[in-house]
Protein backbone atom coordinates (compact mmCIF):
# COMPACT_ATOMS: atom_id res chain seq x y z
CA MET A 1 140.85 138.48 138.39
CA ASP A 2 140.54 136.44 135.38
CA ARG A 3 140.13 132.54 136.24
CA PRO A 4 142.81 130.78 134.53
CA ALA A 5 141.99 128.83 131.48
CA THR A 6 140.98 125.48 131.24
CA PRO A 7 144.12 122.90 130.11
CA TRP A 8 143.84 121.85 126.63
CA TYR A 9 144.14 117.84 127.52
CA LEU A 10 141.04 119.00 130.00
CA GLN A 11 138.73 120.26 126.84
CA ARG A 12 139.87 117.07 124.77
CA ARG A 13 138.48 114.44 127.54
CA ALA A 14 135.54 116.74 127.75
CA VAL A 15 134.57 116.60 124.30
CA ALA A 16 135.92 112.96 124.00
CA ALA A 17 133.51 111.97 127.05
CA ALA A 18 130.25 114.35 125.46
CA ALA A 19 130.80 112.47 121.91
CA GLY A 20 131.32 108.82 123.80
CA ILE A 21 128.07 109.64 125.67
CA VAL A 22 126.33 110.38 122.40
CA ALA A 23 127.58 107.31 120.49
CA LEU A 24 126.06 105.35 123.54
CA CYS A 25 122.46 106.39 123.36
CA TRP A 26 122.54 106.58 119.17
CA LEU A 27 123.59 102.32 119.96
CA VAL A 28 120.69 102.38 122.49
CA SER A 29 118.59 103.65 120.00
CA LEU A 30 119.22 101.29 117.32
CA GLY A 31 119.13 98.33 119.74
CA ALA A 32 115.70 99.34 120.50
CA VAL A 33 114.65 100.03 117.04
CA VAL A 34 115.87 96.38 115.81
CA THR A 35 114.36 94.68 119.16
CA TRP A 36 110.75 96.44 118.52
CA GLY A 37 111.34 95.96 115.11
CA VAL A 38 111.41 92.07 115.25
CA GLN A 39 108.91 91.63 117.81
CA ASP A 40 105.35 90.68 116.94
CA ASP A 41 102.83 91.99 120.20
CA ALA A 42 99.53 91.78 118.16
CA ARG A 43 96.87 90.49 120.25
CA ARG A 44 92.99 90.67 120.50
CA ALA A 45 92.08 94.42 119.95
CA GLU A 46 89.32 96.80 119.14
CA ALA A 47 90.85 97.59 115.55
CA ILE A 48 94.30 97.37 113.53
CA VAL A 49 95.88 100.35 112.31
CA VAL A 50 97.35 100.38 108.97
CA MET A 51 100.30 102.59 108.50
CA GLY A 52 100.21 103.98 104.40
CA ALA A 53 102.55 103.83 101.88
CA ALA A 54 103.40 105.42 97.82
CA GLN A 55 101.00 103.70 95.68
CA TYR A 56 101.02 104.21 92.05
CA ALA A 57 97.77 104.45 89.67
CA GLY A 58 95.85 103.35 92.23
CA HIS A 59 97.75 100.07 92.52
CA PRO A 60 99.57 99.67 96.14
CA SER A 61 103.28 99.54 96.64
CA PRO A 62 105.31 96.51 97.40
CA ALA A 63 105.65 97.96 100.77
CA LEU A 64 102.03 98.94 101.15
CA ARG A 65 100.58 95.43 99.84
CA ALA A 66 103.14 93.65 102.33
CA ARG A 67 101.35 96.12 105.33
CA LEU A 68 97.76 95.73 103.82
CA ASP A 69 98.22 91.68 103.76
CA HIS A 70 100.10 91.53 106.96
CA ALA A 71 97.09 93.21 108.22
CA VAL A 72 94.33 91.22 106.50
CA VAL A 73 95.78 87.73 108.29
CA LEU A 74 95.32 89.81 111.45
CA TRP A 75 91.72 90.52 110.69
CA GLU A 76 91.15 86.80 109.58
CA ARG A 77 92.68 85.45 112.64
CA GLY A 78 89.83 87.65 114.57
CA LEU A 79 92.64 89.82 116.62
CA ALA A 80 90.11 92.99 115.88
CA PRO A 81 86.83 93.57 113.97
CA ARG A 82 88.10 97.01 112.44
CA MET A 83 90.35 97.72 110.23
CA ILE A 84 91.46 101.94 110.21
CA LEU A 85 93.46 102.75 106.52
CA THR A 86 95.56 105.55 107.19
CA GLY A 87 97.59 107.71 104.38
CA GLY A 88 96.68 110.82 102.52
CA ILE A 89 97.15 111.62 98.65
CA GLY A 90 100.16 112.63 97.64
CA SER A 91 102.26 114.68 95.72
CA GLY A 92 101.12 113.90 91.87
CA ASP A 93 98.06 111.46 93.08
CA THR A 94 94.68 111.45 92.58
CA VAL A 95 93.18 109.17 95.25
CA SER A 96 95.06 108.62 98.40
CA GLU A 97 97.05 105.85 99.81
CA ALA A 98 94.01 105.26 102.42
CA ALA A 99 91.40 104.97 99.19
CA VAL A 100 94.32 102.33 97.60
CA SER A 101 94.12 100.63 100.38
CA ARG A 102 90.88 100.34 101.16
CA ALA A 103 89.97 98.96 97.13
CA TYR A 104 92.85 96.05 98.00
CA ILE A 105 91.48 95.00 101.33
CA LEU A 106 88.07 94.55 99.80
CA SER A 107 89.52 92.21 96.86
CA ARG A 108 91.12 90.29 99.68
CA GLY A 109 87.71 89.30 101.14
CA VAL A 110 87.07 92.37 103.72
CA SER A 111 83.54 93.77 104.96
CA ASP A 112 83.56 96.98 103.74
CA THR A 113 81.62 97.73 107.39
CA ALA A 114 84.43 96.34 109.18
CA ILE A 115 86.46 99.10 107.28
CA LEU A 116 87.31 103.19 108.64
CA LEU A 117 89.51 105.58 106.33
CA GLU A 118 92.01 108.17 107.47
CA ASN A 119 92.49 109.81 103.87
CA GLU A 120 94.39 113.30 105.75
CA GLY A 121 97.47 112.09 106.72
CA ARG A 122 100.77 112.86 105.23
CA THR A 123 103.41 111.75 107.40
CA SER A 124 103.08 109.02 109.78
CA SER A 125 102.40 111.51 113.22
CA GLU A 126 99.63 112.94 111.36
CA SER A 127 97.99 109.84 109.92
CA LEU A 128 98.32 107.72 113.67
CA ARG A 129 96.83 111.04 115.13
CA ALA A 130 93.67 110.65 113.00
CA ALA A 131 93.04 107.45 113.48
CA ALA A 132 93.54 108.21 116.90
CA ASP A 133 90.46 110.26 117.16
CA LEU A 134 88.31 108.45 114.82
CA MET A 135 89.29 105.41 117.64
CA ARG A 136 88.37 108.32 120.83
CA ALA A 137 85.22 109.12 118.63
CA ARG A 138 83.70 105.52 119.14
CA GLY A 139 84.79 104.72 122.28
CA LEU A 140 88.10 102.50 121.25
CA ARG A 141 91.69 102.67 122.66
CA GLN A 142 94.00 99.36 122.04
CA ALA A 143 94.83 98.88 118.65
CA ILE A 144 97.59 96.82 117.08
CA ILE A 145 99.13 98.77 114.63
CA VAL A 146 101.01 97.84 111.40
CA SER A 147 104.19 99.20 109.36
CA ASP A 148 107.44 98.16 108.37
CA PRO A 149 109.35 96.49 111.30
CA PHE A 150 111.58 99.50 111.60
CA HIS A 151 108.59 102.11 112.29
CA MET A 152 107.41 100.21 115.18
CA LEU A 153 109.34 101.87 118.34
CA ARG A 154 108.41 105.30 116.81
CA LEU A 155 104.68 104.59 115.76
CA GLU A 156 104.75 102.92 119.90
CA ILE A 157 105.79 106.50 121.14
CA LEU A 158 103.37 108.79 119.58
CA GLY A 159 100.31 105.95 119.61
CA ARG A 160 101.14 106.14 123.53
CA ARG A 161 100.86 110.20 123.08
CA PHE A 162 97.96 110.04 121.31
CA GLY A 163 96.12 108.17 123.42
CA LEU A 164 96.27 105.03 122.22
CA ASP A 165 97.34 101.72 124.31
CA PRO A 166 99.20 100.28 120.73
CA LEU A 167 100.33 96.88 120.22
CA THR A 168 103.11 97.13 117.37
CA SER A 169 103.18 94.36 114.74
CA PRO A 170 105.99 94.63 111.55
CA ALA A 171 104.80 93.63 108.19
CA LEU A 172 106.88 90.44 108.02
CA PRO A 173 105.67 86.93 107.65
CA ALA A 174 108.23 85.87 109.82
CA PRO A 175 110.04 88.53 112.02
CA ASP A 176 113.76 88.01 111.37
CA VAL A 177 116.74 89.95 112.77
CA ARG A 178 118.73 89.37 109.58
CA LYS A 179 116.05 90.44 107.54
CA LEU A 180 115.71 93.75 109.11
CA LEU A 181 119.33 94.26 109.33
CA ARG A 182 119.61 93.84 105.46
CA GLN A 183 117.34 97.64 106.15
CA TRP A 184 120.09 99.57 106.93
CA GLY A 185 119.53 102.70 106.14
CA ASN A 186 115.85 103.01 107.14
CA LEU A 187 117.32 101.50 110.88
CA VAL A 188 119.88 104.44 111.54
CA ALA A 189 117.47 106.75 110.05
CA GLU A 190 114.85 105.35 112.50
CA SER A 191 117.29 105.60 115.38
CA PHE A 192 117.80 109.26 115.16
CA LYS A 193 114.45 110.02 114.66
CA VAL A 194 113.62 107.46 117.51
CA PRO A 195 114.81 110.17 120.48
CA VAL A 196 113.47 113.08 118.72
CA ALA A 197 109.65 111.66 119.11
CA LEU A 198 110.40 111.13 122.48
CA PHE A 199 109.92 115.12 122.68
CA ILE A 200 107.93 115.90 119.29
CA ASP A 201 105.43 114.46 116.78
CA TRP A 202 107.95 112.96 113.88
């Protein structure tokens, strides 16, 4: 005997409930991205990992320069003895982001002996995994990860997956939620990427 069809109003309630759950999960994710983006967990560690960003004709983009300047300040404070610079060669480029970063921080007074390069990664996941491999080969685990504020939560998730003890440090002179909220497009994008990063490398 055929089962009676579910009344239309119950179907609508089920759809509305499912949509409400999805919306709530997204709001939680967005709130977590903002929270991680304005807190700086930097303290004594074994390395500072600087995530790569665009470079133009051998010069760091404003985003990359901000990350490098922040990392140099952390290094000058003595929070870590070495710096790992990440980022491969982008489309149309002839030099890697990591190599450009190295030249920039050398000009800022960082010792060449303190620098390790990860030249192959084309995504945050690839670069962070390779940086984790560099650290593991040297018996290192705890790293301060430097990037834009809205990346912090996803990088902490990925860092833990790759075997690091990550300490996130956003590249803002003084973490400010108002400055972060102006980057709403990036925040929204990250709020969708973070739940995915819980299950796959992204």
